[in-house]
Amino acid sequence: DFNNKVYDIFYEIAKKAHEDVQKETEL
């Protein structure tokens, strides 16, 4: 399940980056 694990890692990184952008625009 290597591909699934890599996908999950990239998904979490993208999710965190999106949350950071949302926090910045809310300020």
mmCIF file of all heavy atoms, coordinates in Angstrom:
data_MODEL
# 
_entry.id   MODEL 
# 
loop_
_atom_site.group_PDB 
_atom_site.id 
_atom_site.type_symbol 
_atom_site.label_atom_id 
_atom_site.label_alt_id 
_atom_site.label_comp_id 
_atom_site.label_asym_id 
_atom_site.label_entity_id 
_atom_site.label_seq_id 
_atom_site.pdbx_PDB_ins_code 
_atom_site.Cartn_x 
_atom_site.Cartn_y 
_atom_site.Cartn_z 
_atom_site.occupancy 
_atom_site.B_iso_or_equiv 
_atom_site.pdbx_formal_charge 
_atom_site.auth_seq_id 
_atom_site.auth_comp_id 
_atom_site.auth_asym_id 
_atom_site.auth_atom_id 
_atom_site.pdbx_PDB_model_num 
ATOM 1   N N   . ASP A 1 1  ? 0.814   -1.216 0.000  1.00 0.00 ? 1  ASP A N   1 
ATOM 2   C CA  . ASP A 1 1  ? 0.000   0.000  0.000  1.00 0.00 ? 1  ASP A CA  1 
ATOM 3   C C   . ASP A 1 1  ? 0.853   1.274  0.000  1.00 0.00 ? 1  ASP A C   1 
ATOM 4   O O   . ASP A 1 1  ? 0.435   2.317  0.475  1.00 0.00 ? 1  ASP A O   1 
ATOM 5   C CB  . ASP A 1 1  ? -0.969  -0.008 1.177  1.00 0.00 ? 1  ASP A CB  1 
ATOM 6   C CG  . ASP A 1 1  ? -0.263  -0.024 2.517  1.00 0.00 ? 1  ASP A CG  1 
ATOM 7   O OD1 . ASP A 1 1  ? 0.946   -0.357 2.550  1.00 0.00 ? 1  ASP A OD1 1 
ATOM 8   O OD2 . ASP A 1 1  ? -0.903  0.309  3.526  1.00 0.00 ? 1  ASP A OD2 1 
ATOM 9   N N   . PHE A 1 2  ? 2.052   1.186  -0.575 1.00 0.00 ? 2  PHE A N   1 
ATOM 10  C CA  . PHE A 1 2  ? 2.976   2.320  -0.618 1.00 0.00 ? 2  PHE A CA  1 
ATOM 11  C C   . PHE A 1 2  ? 2.338   3.547  -1.273 1.00 0.00 ? 2  PHE A C   1 
ATOM 12  O O   . PHE A 1 2  ? 2.429   4.658  -0.760 1.00 0.00 ? 2  PHE A O   1 
ATOM 13  C CB  . PHE A 1 2  ? 4.250   1.926  -1.362 1.00 0.00 ? 2  PHE A CB  1 
ATOM 14  C CG  . PHE A 1 2  ? 5.231   3.054  -1.537 1.00 0.00 ? 2  PHE A CG  1 
ATOM 15  C CD1 . PHE A 1 2  ? 6.010   3.463  -0.469 1.00 0.00 ? 2  PHE A CD1 1 
ATOM 16  C CD2 . PHE A 1 2  ? 5.354   3.711  -2.756 1.00 0.00 ? 2  PHE A CD2 1 
ATOM 17  C CE1 . PHE A 1 2  ? 6.911   4.504  -0.615 1.00 0.00 ? 2  PHE A CE1 1 
ATOM 18  C CE2 . PHE A 1 2  ? 6.255   4.745  -2.908 1.00 0.00 ? 2  PHE A CE2 1 
ATOM 19  C CZ  . PHE A 1 2  ? 7.032   5.147  -1.835 1.00 0.00 ? 2  PHE A CZ  1 
ATOM 20  N N   . ASN A 1 3  ? 1.688   3.370  -2.416 1.00 0.00 ? 3  ASN A N   1 
ATOM 21  C CA  . ASN A 1 3  ? 1.062   4.496  -3.121 1.00 0.00 ? 3  ASN A CA  1 
ATOM 22  C C   . ASN A 1 3  ? 0.004   5.175  -2.260 1.00 0.00 ? 3  ASN A C   1 
ATOM 23  O O   . ASN A 1 3  ? -0.118  6.405  -2.259 1.00 0.00 ? 3  ASN A O   1 
ATOM 24  C CB  . ASN A 1 3  ? 0.459   4.047  -4.451 1.00 0.00 ? 3  ASN A CB  1 
ATOM 25  C CG  . ASN A 1 3  ? 1.518   3.726  -5.473 1.00 0.00 ? 3  ASN A CG  1 
ATOM 26  O OD1 . ASN A 1 3  ? 2.662   4.167  -5.353 1.00 0.00 ? 3  ASN A OD1 1 
ATOM 27  N ND2 . ASN A 1 3  ? 1.154   2.936  -6.477 1.00 0.00 ? 3  ASN A ND2 1 
ATOM 28  N N   . ASN A 1 4  ? -0.758  4.394  -1.526 1.00 0.00 ? 4  ASN A N   1 
ATOM 29  C CA  . ASN A 1 4  ? -1.781  4.974  -0.650 1.00 0.00 ? 4  ASN A CA  1 
ATOM 30  C C   . ASN A 1 4  ? -1.154  5.798  0.471  1.00 0.00 ? 4  ASN A C   1 
ATOM 31  O O   . ASN A 1 4  ? -1.655  6.859  0.823  1.00 0.00 ? 4  ASN A O   1 
ATOM 32  C CB  . ASN A 1 4  ? -2.671  3.875  -0.058 1.00 0.00 ? 4  ASN A CB  1 
ATOM 33  C CG  . ASN A 1 4  ? -3.551  3.229  -1.105 1.00 0.00 ? 4  ASN A CG  1 
ATOM 34  O OD1 . ASN A 1 4  ? -3.848  3.827  -2.141 1.00 0.00 ? 4  ASN A OD1 1 
ATOM 35  N ND2 . ASN A 1 4  ? -3.955  1.999  -0.851 1.00 0.00 ? 4  ASN A ND2 1 
ATOM 36  N N   . LYS A 1 5  ? -0.051  5.310  1.019  1.00 0.00 ? 5  LYS A N   1 
ATOM 37  C CA  . LYS A 1 5  ? 0.626   6.038  2.089  1.00 0.00 ? 5  LYS A CA  1 
ATOM 38  C C   . LYS A 1 5  ? 1.199   7.358  1.576  1.00 0.00 ? 5  LYS A C   1 
ATOM 39  O O   . LYS A 1 5  ? 1.094   8.389  2.230  1.00 0.00 ? 5  LYS A O   1 
ATOM 40  C CB  . LYS A 1 5  ? 1.732   5.185  2.709  1.00 0.00 ? 5  LYS A CB  1 
ATOM 41  C CG  . LYS A 1 5  ? 1.215   4.047  3.551  1.00 0.00 ? 5  LYS A CG  1 
ATOM 42  C CD  . LYS A 1 5  ? 2.340   3.238  4.155  1.00 0.00 ? 5  LYS A CD  1 
ATOM 43  C CE  . LYS A 1 5  ? 1.803   2.096  4.984  1.00 0.00 ? 5  LYS A CE  1 
ATOM 44  N NZ  . LYS A 1 5  ? 2.878   1.302  5.576  1.00 0.00 ? 5  LYS A NZ  1 
ATOM 45  N N   . VAL A 1 6  ? 1.806   7.338  0.384  1.00 0.00 ? 6  VAL A N   1 
ATOM 46  C CA  . VAL A 1 6  ? 2.345   8.560  -0.207 1.00 0.00 ? 6  VAL A CA  1 
ATOM 47  C C   . VAL A 1 6  ? 1.208   9.548  -0.480 1.00 0.00 ? 6  VAL A C   1 
ATOM 48  O O   . VAL A 1 6  ? 1.320   10.732 -0.186 1.00 0.00 ? 6  VAL A O   1 
ATOM 49  C CB  . VAL A 1 6  ? 3.124   8.254  -1.506 1.00 0.00 ? 6  VAL A CB  1 
ATOM 50  C CG1 . VAL A 1 6  ? 3.493   9.529  -2.248 1.00 0.00 ? 6  VAL A CG1 1 
ATOM 51  C CG2 . VAL A 1 6  ? 4.373   7.450  -1.177 1.00 0.00 ? 6  VAL A CG2 1 
ATOM 52  N N   . TYR A 1 7  ? 0.096   9.068  -1.008 1.00 0.00 ? 7  TYR A N   1 
ATOM 53  C CA  . TYR A 1 7  ? -1.063  9.919  -1.260 1.00 0.00 ? 7  TYR A CA  1 
ATOM 54  C C   . TYR A 1 7  ? -1.542  10.563 0.039  1.00 0.00 ? 7  TYR A C   1 
ATOM 55  O O   . TYR A 1 7  ? -1.815  11.761 0.082  1.00 0.00 ? 7  TYR A O   1 
ATOM 56  C CB  . TYR A 1 7  ? -2.197  9.113  -1.897 1.00 0.00 ? 7  TYR A CB  1 
ATOM 57  C CG  . TYR A 1 7  ? -3.460  9.904  -2.059 1.00 0.00 ? 7  TYR A CG  1 
ATOM 58  C CD1 . TYR A 1 7  ? -3.642  10.744 -3.153 1.00 0.00 ? 7  TYR A CD1 1 
ATOM 59  C CD2 . TYR A 1 7  ? -4.479  9.841  -1.101 1.00 0.00 ? 7  TYR A CD2 1 
ATOM 60  C CE1 . TYR A 1 7  ? -4.797  11.495 -3.292 1.00 0.00 ? 7  TYR A CE1 1 
ATOM 61  C CE2 . TYR A 1 7  ? -5.630  10.587 -1.228 1.00 0.00 ? 7  TYR A CE2 1 
ATOM 62  C CZ  . TYR A 1 7  ? -5.790  11.409 -2.330 1.00 0.00 ? 7  TYR A CZ  1 
ATOM 63  O OH  . TYR A 1 7  ? -6.925  12.153 -2.453 1.00 0.00 ? 7  TYR A OH  1 
ATOM 64  N N   . ASP A 1 8  ? -1.639  9.770  1.097  1.00 0.00 ? 8  ASP A N   1 
ATOM 65  C CA  . ASP A 1 8  ? -2.107  10.293 2.388  1.00 0.00 ? 8  ASP A CA  1 
ATOM 66  C C   . ASP A 1 8  ? -1.176  11.384 2.913  1.00 0.00 ? 8  ASP A C   1 
ATOM 67  O O   . ASP A 1 8  ? -1.634  12.388 3.455  1.00 0.00 ? 8  ASP A O   1 
ATOM 68  C CB  . ASP A 1 8  ? -2.223  9.164  3.422  1.00 0.00 ? 8  ASP A CB  1 
ATOM 69  C CG  . ASP A 1 8  ? -3.363  8.206  3.113  1.00 0.00 ? 8  ASP A CG  1 
ATOM 70  O OD1 . ASP A 1 8  ? -4.240  8.557  2.298  1.00 0.00 ? 8  ASP A OD1 1 
ATOM 71  O OD2 . ASP A 1 8  ? -3.362  7.091  3.686  1.00 0.00 ? 8  ASP A OD2 1 
ATOM 72  N N   . ILE A 1 9  ? 0.127   11.194 2.753  1.00 0.00 ? 9  ILE A N   1 
ATOM 73  C CA  . ILE A 1 9  ? 1.092   12.199 3.209  1.00 0.00 ? 9  ILE A CA  1 
ATOM 74  C C   . ILE A 1 9  ? 0.907   13.498 2.441  1.00 0.00 ? 9  ILE A C   1 
ATOM 75  O O   . ILE A 1 9  ? 0.815   14.578 3.027  1.00 0.00 ? 9  ILE A O   1 
ATOM 76  C CB  . ILE A 1 9  ? 2.537   11.670 3.065  1.00 0.00 ? 9  ILE A CB  1 
ATOM 77  C CG1 . ILE A 1 9  ? 2.791   10.550 4.071  1.00 0.00 ? 9  ILE A CG1 1 
ATOM 78  C CG2 . ILE A 1 9  ? 3.546   12.801 3.230  1.00 0.00 ? 9  ILE A CG2 1 
ATOM 79  C CD1 . ILE A 1 9  ? 4.076   9.784  3.829  1.00 0.00 ? 9  ILE A CD1 1 
ATOM 80  N N   . PHE A 1 10 ? 0.828   13.414 1.119  1.00 0.00 ? 10 PHE A N   1 
ATOM 81  C CA  . PHE A 1 10 ? 0.640   14.622 0.311  1.00 0.00 ? 10 PHE A CA  1 
ATOM 82  C C   . PHE A 1 10 ? -0.715  15.276 0.580  1.00 0.00 ? 10 PHE A C   1 
ATOM 83  O O   . PHE A 1 10 ? -0.835  16.493 0.581  1.00 0.00 ? 10 PHE A O   1 
ATOM 84  C CB  . PHE A 1 10 ? 0.812   14.320 -1.180 1.00 0.00 ? 10 PHE A CB  1 
ATOM 85  C CG  . PHE A 1 10 ? 2.251   14.229 -1.594 1.00 0.00 ? 10 PHE A CG  1 
ATOM 86  C CD1 . PHE A 1 10 ? 2.816   13.024 -1.955 1.00 0.00 ? 10 PHE A CD1 1 
ATOM 87  C CD2 . PHE A 1 10 ? 3.051   15.363 -1.604 1.00 0.00 ? 10 PHE A CD2 1 
ATOM 88  C CE1 . PHE A 1 10 ? 4.140   12.940 -2.325 1.00 0.00 ? 10 PHE A CE1 1 
ATOM 89  C CE2 . PHE A 1 10 ? 4.381   15.292 -1.968 1.00 0.00 ? 10 PHE A CE2 1 
ATOM 90  C CZ  . PHE A 1 10 ? 4.923   14.074 -2.334 1.00 0.00 ? 10 PHE A CZ  1 
ATOM 91  N N   . TYR A 1 11 ? -1.722  14.469 0.812  1.00 0.00 ? 11 TYR A N   1 
ATOM 92  C CA  . TYR A 1 11 ? -3.047  15.010 1.127  1.00 0.00 ? 11 TYR A CA  1 
ATOM 93  C C   . TYR A 1 11 ? -2.995  15.823 2.419  1.00 0.00 ? 11 TYR A C   1 
ATOM 94  O O   . TYR A 1 11 ? -3.544  16.927 2.485  1.00 0.00 ? 11 TYR A O   1 
ATOM 95  C CB  . TYR A 1 11 ? -4.069  13.879 1.241  1.00 0.00 ? 11 TYR A CB  1 
ATOM 96  C CG  . TYR A 1 11 ? -5.440  14.373 1.602  1.00 0.00 ? 11 TYR A CG  1 
ATOM 97  C CD1 . TYR A 1 11 ? -6.283  14.899 0.630  1.00 0.00 ? 11 TYR A CD1 1 
ATOM 98  C CD2 . TYR A 1 11 ? -5.893  14.337 2.922  1.00 0.00 ? 11 TYR A CD2 1 
ATOM 99  C CE1 . TYR A 1 11 ? -7.541  15.371 0.953  1.00 0.00 ? 11 TYR A CE1 1 
ATOM 100 C CE2 . TYR A 1 11 ? -7.145  14.805 3.260  1.00 0.00 ? 11 TYR A CE2 1 
ATOM 101 C CZ  . TYR A 1 11 ? -7.969  15.318 2.277  1.00 0.00 ? 11 TYR A CZ  1 
ATOM 102 O OH  . TYR A 1 11 ? -9.216  15.801 2.605  1.00 0.00 ? 11 TYR A OH  1 
ATOM 103 N N   . GLU A 1 12 ? -2.338  15.305 3.442  1.00 0.00 ? 12 GLU A N   1 
ATOM 104 C CA  . GLU A 1 12 ? -2.227  16.017 4.718  1.00 0.00 ? 12 GLU A CA  1 
ATOM 105 C C   . GLU A 1 12 ? -1.440  17.324 4.560  1.00 0.00 ? 12 GLU A C   1 
ATOM 106 O O   . GLU A 1 12 ? -1.782  18.340 5.160  1.00 0.00 ? 12 GLU A O   1 
ATOM 107 C CB  . GLU A 1 12 ? -1.593  15.129 5.790  1.00 0.00 ? 12 GLU A CB  1 
ATOM 108 C CG  . GLU A 1 12 ? -2.503  14.029 6.277  1.00 0.00 ? 12 GLU A CG  1 
ATOM 109 C CD  . GLU A 1 12 ? -3.799  14.552 6.884  1.00 0.00 ? 12 GLU A CD  1 
ATOM 110 O OE1 . GLU A 1 12 ? -3.770  15.539 7.648  1.00 0.00 ? 12 GLU A OE1 1 
ATOM 111 O OE2 . GLU A 1 12 ? -4.855  13.975 6.580  1.00 0.00 ? 12 GLU A OE2 1 
ATOM 112 N N   . ILE A 1 13 ? -0.387  17.302 3.763  1.00 0.00 ? 13 ILE A N   1 
ATOM 113 C CA  . ILE A 1 13 ? 0.391   18.519 3.519  1.00 0.00 ? 13 ILE A CA  1 
ATOM 114 C C   . ILE A 1 13 ? -0.469  19.564 2.824  1.00 0.00 ? 13 ILE A C   1 
ATOM 115 O O   . ILE A 1 13 ? -0.487  20.736 3.213  1.00 0.00 ? 13 ILE A O   1 
ATOM 116 C CB  . ILE A 1 13 ? 1.662   18.191 2.687  1.00 0.00 ? 13 ILE A CB  1 
ATOM 117 C CG1 . ILE A 1 13 ? 2.632   17.359 3.516  1.00 0.00 ? 13 ILE A CG1 1 
ATOM 118 C CG2 . ILE A 1 13 ? 2.318   19.476 2.183  1.00 0.00 ? 13 ILE A CG2 1 
ATOM 119 C CD1 . ILE A 1 13 ? 3.781   16.770 2.717  1.00 0.00 ? 13 ILE A CD1 1 
ATOM 120 N N   . ALA A 1 14 ? -1.198  19.155 1.791  1.00 0.00 ? 14 ALA A N   1 
ATOM 121 C CA  . ALA A 1 14 ? -2.065  20.085 1.060  1.00 0.00 ? 14 ALA A CA  1 
ATOM 122 C C   . ALA A 1 14 ? -3.183  20.616 1.949  1.00 0.00 ? 14 ALA A C   1 
ATOM 123 O O   . ALA A 1 14 ? -3.523  21.808 1.904  1.00 0.00 ? 14 ALA A O   1 
ATOM 124 C CB  . ALA A 1 14 ? -2.652  19.403 -0.172 1.00 0.00 ? 14 ALA A CB  1 
ATOM 125 N N   . LYS A 1 15 ? -3.737  19.772 2.782  1.00 0.00 ? 15 LYS A N   1 
ATOM 126 C CA  . LYS A 1 15 ? -4.805  20.183 3.699  1.00 0.00 ? 15 LYS A CA  1 
ATOM 127 C C   . LYS A 1 15 ? -4.293  21.236 4.689  1.00 0.00 ? 15 LYS A C   1 
ATOM 128 O O   . LYS A 1 15 ? -4.948  22.251 4.922  1.00 0.00 ? 15 LYS A O   1 
ATOM 129 C CB  . LYS A 1 15 ? -5.327  18.950 4.450  1.00 0.00 ? 15 LYS A CB  1 
ATOM 130 C CG  . LYS A 1 15 ? -6.459  19.224 5.397  1.00 0.00 ? 15 LYS A CG  1 
ATOM 131 C CD  . LYS A 1 15 ? -6.917  17.919 6.044  1.00 0.00 ? 15 LYS A CD  1 
ATOM 132 C CE  . LYS A 1 15 ? -7.886  18.177 7.163  1.00 0.00 ? 15 LYS A CE  1 
ATOM 133 N NZ  . LYS A 1 15 ? -8.259  16.947 7.868  1.00 0.00 ? 15 LYS A NZ  1 
ATOM 134 N N   . LYS A 1 16 ? -3.097  21.013 5.233  1.00 0.00 ? 16 LYS A N   1 
ATOM 135 C CA  . LYS A 1 16 ? -2.507  21.965 6.180  1.00 0.00 ? 16 LYS A CA  1 
ATOM 136 C C   . LYS A 1 16 ? -2.208  23.297 5.493  1.00 0.00 ? 16 LYS A C   1 
ATOM 137 O O   . LYS A 1 16 ? -2.464  24.367 6.055  1.00 0.00 ? 16 LYS A O   1 
ATOM 138 C CB  . LYS A 1 16 ? -1.221  21.365 6.779  1.00 0.00 ? 16 LYS A CB  1 
ATOM 139 C CG  . LYS A 1 16 ? -0.488  22.287 7.720  1.00 0.00 ? 16 LYS A CG  1 
ATOM 140 C CD  . LYS A 1 16 ? -1.248  22.495 9.004  1.00 0.00 ? 16 LYS A CD  1 
ATOM 141 C CE  . LYS A 1 16 ? -0.402  23.281 9.970  1.00 0.00 ? 16 LYS A CE  1 
ATOM 142 N NZ  . LYS A 1 16 ? -1.067  24.419 10.535 1.00 0.00 ? 16 LYS A NZ  1 
ATOM 143 N N   . ALA A 1 17 ? -1.685  23.245 4.273  1.00 0.00 ? 17 ALA A N   1 
ATOM 144 C CA  . ALA A 1 17 ? -1.403  24.480 3.537  1.00 0.00 ? 17 ALA A CA  1 
ATOM 145 C C   . ALA A 1 17 ? -2.695  25.254 3.274  1.00 0.00 ? 17 ALA A C   1 
ATOM 146 O O   . ALA A 1 17 ? -2.735  26.478 3.408  1.00 0.00 ? 17 ALA A O   1 
ATOM 147 C CB  . ALA A 1 17 ? -0.697  24.157 2.223  1.00 0.00 ? 17 ALA A CB  1 
ATOM 148 N N   . HIS A 1 18 ? -3.755  24.557 2.922  1.00 0.00 ? 18 HIS A N   1 
ATOM 149 C CA  . HIS A 1 18 ? -5.051  25.207 2.681  1.00 0.00 ? 18 HIS A CA  1 
ATOM 150 C C   . HIS A 1 18 ? -5.576  25.844 3.965  1.00 0.00 ? 18 HIS A C   1 
ATOM 151 O O   . HIS A 1 18 ? -6.084  26.972 3.939  1.00 0.00 ? 18 HIS A O   1 
ATOM 152 C CB  . HIS A 1 18 ? -6.046  24.182 2.134  1.00 0.00 ? 18 HIS A CB  1 
ATOM 153 C CG  . HIS A 1 18 ? -7.388  24.746 1.845  1.00 0.00 ? 18 HIS A CG  1 
ATOM 154 N ND1 . HIS A 1 18 ? -7.623  25.613 0.807  1.00 0.00 ? 18 HIS A ND1 1 
ATOM 155 C CD2 . HIS A 1 18 ? -8.581  24.592 2.480  1.00 0.00 ? 18 HIS A CD2 1 
ATOM 156 C CE1 . HIS A 1 18 ? -8.890  25.957 0.805  1.00 0.00 ? 18 HIS A CE1 1 
ATOM 157 N NE2 . HIS A 1 18 ? -9.489  25.346 1.816  1.00 0.00 ? 18 HIS A NE2 1 
ATOM 158 N N   . GLU A 1 19 ? -5.450  25.157 5.085  1.00 0.00 ? 19 GLU A N   1 
ATOM 159 C CA  . GLU A 1 19 ? -5.890  25.711 6.370  1.00 0.00 ? 19 GLU A CA  1 
ATOM 160 C C   . GLU A 1 19 ? -5.095  26.958 6.724  1.00 0.00 ? 19 GLU A C   1 
ATOM 161 O O   . GLU A 1 19 ? -5.652  27.942 7.224  1.00 0.00 ? 19 GLU A O   1 
ATOM 162 C CB  . GLU A 1 19 ? -5.744  24.662 7.473  1.00 0.00 ? 19 GLU A CB  1 
ATOM 163 C CG  . GLU A 1 19 ? -6.735  23.532 7.373  1.00 0.00 ? 19 GLU A CG  1 
ATOM 164 C CD  . GLU A 1 19 ? -6.439  22.391 8.336  1.00 0.00 ? 19 GLU A CD  1 
ATOM 165 O OE1 . GLU A 1 19 ? -5.432  22.471 9.087  1.00 0.00 ? 19 GLU A OE1 1 
ATOM 166 O OE2 . GLU A 1 19 ? -7.204  21.409 8.326  1.00 0.00 ? 19 GLU A OE2 1 
ATOM 167 N N   . ASP A 1 20 ? -3.783  26.950 6.446  1.00 0.00 ? 20 ASP A N   1 
ATOM 168 C CA  . ASP A 1 20 ? -2.950  28.123 6.728  1.00 0.00 ? 20 ASP A CA  1 
ATOM 169 C C   . ASP A 1 20 ? -3.384  29.325 5.897  1.00 0.00 ? 20 ASP A C   1 
ATOM 170 O O   . ASP A 1 20 ? -3.426  30.448 6.394  1.00 0.00 ? 20 ASP A O   1 
ATOM 171 C CB  . ASP A 1 20 ? -1.469  27.819 6.474  1.00 0.00 ? 20 ASP A CB  1 
ATOM 172 C CG  . ASP A 1 20 ? -0.879  26.898 7.518  1.00 0.00 ? 20 ASP A CG  1 
ATOM 173 O OD1 . ASP A 1 20 ? -1.518  26.676 8.570  1.00 0.00 ? 20 ASP A OD1 1 
ATOM 174 O OD2 . ASP A 1 20 ? 0.229   26.387 7.287  1.00 0.00 ? 20 ASP A OD2 1 
ATOM 175 N N   . VAL A 1 21 ? -3.695  29.096 4.633  1.00 0.00 ? 21 VAL A N   1 
ATOM 176 C CA  . VAL A 1 21 ? -4.153  30.189 3.765  1.00 0.00 ? 21 VAL A CA  1 
ATOM 177 C C   . VAL A 1 21 ? -5.488  30.732 4.269  1.00 0.00 ? 21 VAL A C   1 
ATOM 178 O O   . VAL A 1 21 ? -5.699  31.944 4.304  1.00 0.00 ? 21 VAL A O   1 
ATOM 179 C CB  . VAL A 1 21 ? -4.258  29.718 2.297  1.00 0.00 ? 21 VAL A CB  1 
ATOM 180 C CG1 . VAL A 1 21 ? -4.990  30.735 1.431  1.00 0.00 ? 21 VAL A CG1 1 
ATOM 181 C CG2 . VAL A 1 21 ? -2.874  29.449 1.735  1.00 0.00 ? 21 VAL A CG2 1 
ATOM 182 N N   . GLN A 1 22 ? -6.387  29.852 4.679  1.00 0.00 ? 22 GLN A N   1 
ATOM 183 C CA  . GLN A 1 22 ? -7.678  30.299 5.203  1.00 0.00 ? 22 GLN A CA  1 
ATOM 184 C C   . GLN A 1 22 ? -7.492  31.138 6.468  1.00 0.00 ? 22 GLN A C   1 
ATOM 185 O O   . GLN A 1 22 ? -8.146  32.161 6.636  1.00 0.00 ? 22 GLN A O   1 
ATOM 186 C CB  . GLN A 1 22 ? -8.586  29.111 5.510  1.00 0.00 ? 22 GLN A CB  1 
ATOM 187 C CG  . GLN A 1 22 ? -9.234  28.529 4.287  1.00 0.00 ? 22 GLN A CG  1 
ATOM 188 C CD  . GLN A 1 22 ? -10.182 27.406 4.641  1.00 0.00 ? 22 GLN A CD  1 
ATOM 189 O OE1 . GLN A 1 22 ? -9.911  26.605 5.546  1.00 0.00 ? 22 GLN A OE1 1 
ATOM 190 N NE2 . GLN A 1 22 ? -11.285 27.331 3.934  1.00 0.00 ? 22 GLN A NE2 1 
ATOM 191 N N   . LYS A 1 23 ? -6.602  30.708 7.360  1.00 0.00 ? 23 LYS A N   1 
ATOM 192 C CA  . LYS A 1 23 ? -6.347  31.468 8.583  1.00 0.00 ? 23 LYS A CA  1 
ATOM 193 C C   . LYS A 1 23 ? -5.814  32.854 8.256  1.00 0.00 ? 23 LYS A C   1 
ATOM 194 O O   . LYS A 1 23 ? -6.187  33.842 8.876  1.00 0.00 ? 23 LYS A O   1 
ATOM 195 C CB  . LYS A 1 23 ? -5.351  30.730 9.481  1.00 0.00 ? 23 LYS A CB  1 
ATOM 196 C CG  . LYS A 1 23 ? -5.919  29.528 10.173 1.00 0.00 ? 23 LYS A CG  1 
ATOM 197 C CD  . LYS A 1 23 ? -4.850  28.843 11.009 1.00 0.00 ? 23 LYS A CD  1 
ATOM 198 C CE  . LYS A 1 23 ? -5.333  27.529 11.549 1.00 0.00 ? 23 LYS A CE  1 
ATOM 199 N NZ  . LYS A 1 23 ? -4.273  26.809 12.257 1.00 0.00 ? 23 LYS A NZ  1 
ATOM 200 N N   . GLU A 1 24 ? -4.922  32.919 7.255  1.00 0.00 ? 24 GLU A N   1 
ATOM 201 C CA  . GLU A 1 24 ? -4.345  34.207 6.874  1.00 0.00 ? 24 GLU A CA  1 
ATOM 202 C C   . GLU A 1 24 ? -5.409  35.151 6.336  1.00 0.00 ? 24 GLU A C   1 
ATOM 203 O O   . GLU A 1 24 ? -5.411  36.333 6.660  1.00 0.00 ? 24 GLU A O   1 
ATOM 204 C CB  . GLU A 1 24 ? -3.260  33.992 5.821  1.00 0.00 ? 24 GLU A CB  1 
ATOM 205 C CG  . GLU A 1 24 ? -2.575  35.263 5.400  1.00 0.00 ? 24 GLU A CG  1 
ATOM 206 C CD  . GLU A 1 24 ? -1.549  35.033 4.323  1.00 0.00 ? 24 GLU A CD  1 
ATOM 207 O OE1 . GLU A 1 24 ? -0.805  34.048 4.399  1.00 0.00 ? 24 GLU A OE1 1 
ATOM 208 O OE2 . GLU A 1 24 ? -1.494  35.862 3.406  1.00 0.00 ? 24 GLU A OE2 1 
ATOM 209 N N   . THR A 1 25 ? -6.335  34.639 5.541  1.00 0.00 ? 25 THR A N   1 
ATOM 210 C CA  . THR A 1 25 ? -7.363  35.512 4.968  1.00 0.00 ? 25 THR A CA  1 
ATOM 211 C C   . THR A 1 25 ? -8.406  35.919 6.008  1.00 0.00 ? 25 THR A C   1 
ATOM 212 O O   . THR A 1 25 ? -9.087  36.925 5.825  1.00 0.00 ? 25 THR A O   1 
ATOM 213 C CB  . THR A 1 25 ? -8.058  34.850 3.758  1.00 0.00 ? 25 THR A CB  1 
ATOM 214 O OG1 . THR A 1 25 ? -8.637  33.615 4.165  1.00 0.00 ? 25 THR A OG1 1 
ATOM 215 C CG2 . THR A 1 25 ? -7.087  34.610 2.627  1.00 0.00 ? 25 THR A CG2 1 
ATOM 216 N N   . GLU A 1 26 ? -8.549  35.167 7.088  1.00 0.00 ? 26 GLU A N   1 
ATOM 217 C CA  . GLU A 1 26 ? -9.503  35.507 8.134  1.00 0.00 ? 26 GLU A CA  1 
ATOM 218 C C   . GLU A 1 26 ? -8.994  36.618 9.052  1.00 0.00 ? 26 GLU A C   1 
ATOM 219 O O   . GLU A 1 26 ? -9.778  37.255 9.740  1.00 0.00 ? 26 GLU A O   1 
ATOM 220 C CB  . GLU A 1 26 ? -9.835  34.269 8.969  1.00 0.00 ? 26 GLU A CB  1 
ATOM 221 C CG  . GLU A 1 26 ? -10.638 33.229 8.202  1.00 0.00 ? 26 GLU A CG  1 
ATOM 222 C CD  . GLU A 1 26 ? -10.813 31.928 8.965  1.00 0.00 ? 26 GLU A CD  1 
ATOM 223 O OE1 . GLU A 1 26 ? -10.298 31.827 10.106 1.00 0.00 ? 26 GLU A OE1 1 
ATOM 224 O OE2 . GLU A 1 26 ? -11.437 31.023 8.421  1.00 0.00 ? 26 GLU A OE2 1 
ATOM 225 N N   . LEU A 1 27 ? -7.700  36.864 9.061  1.00 0.00 ? 27 LEU A N   1 
ATOM 226 C CA  . LEU A 1 27 ? -7.149  37.917 9.915  1.00 0.00 ? 27 LEU A CA  1 
ATOM 227 C C   . LEU A 1 27 ? -7.547  39.284 9.381  1.00 0.00 ? 27 LEU A C   1 
ATOM 228 O O   . LEU A 1 27 ? -7.648  39.475 8.168  1.00 0.00 ? 27 LEU A O   1 
ATOM 229 C CB  . LEU A 1 27 ? -5.618  37.823 9.948  1.00 0.00 ? 27 LEU A CB  1 
ATOM 230 C CG  . LEU A 1 27 ? -5.009  36.650 10.692 1.00 0.00 ? 27 LEU A CG  1 
ATOM 231 C CD1 . LEU A 1 27 ? -3.509  36.616 10.470 1.00 0.00 ? 27 LEU A CD1 1 
ATOM 232 C CD2 . LEU A 1 27 ? -5.319  36.733 12.167 1.00 0.00 ? 27 LEU A CD2 1 
# 
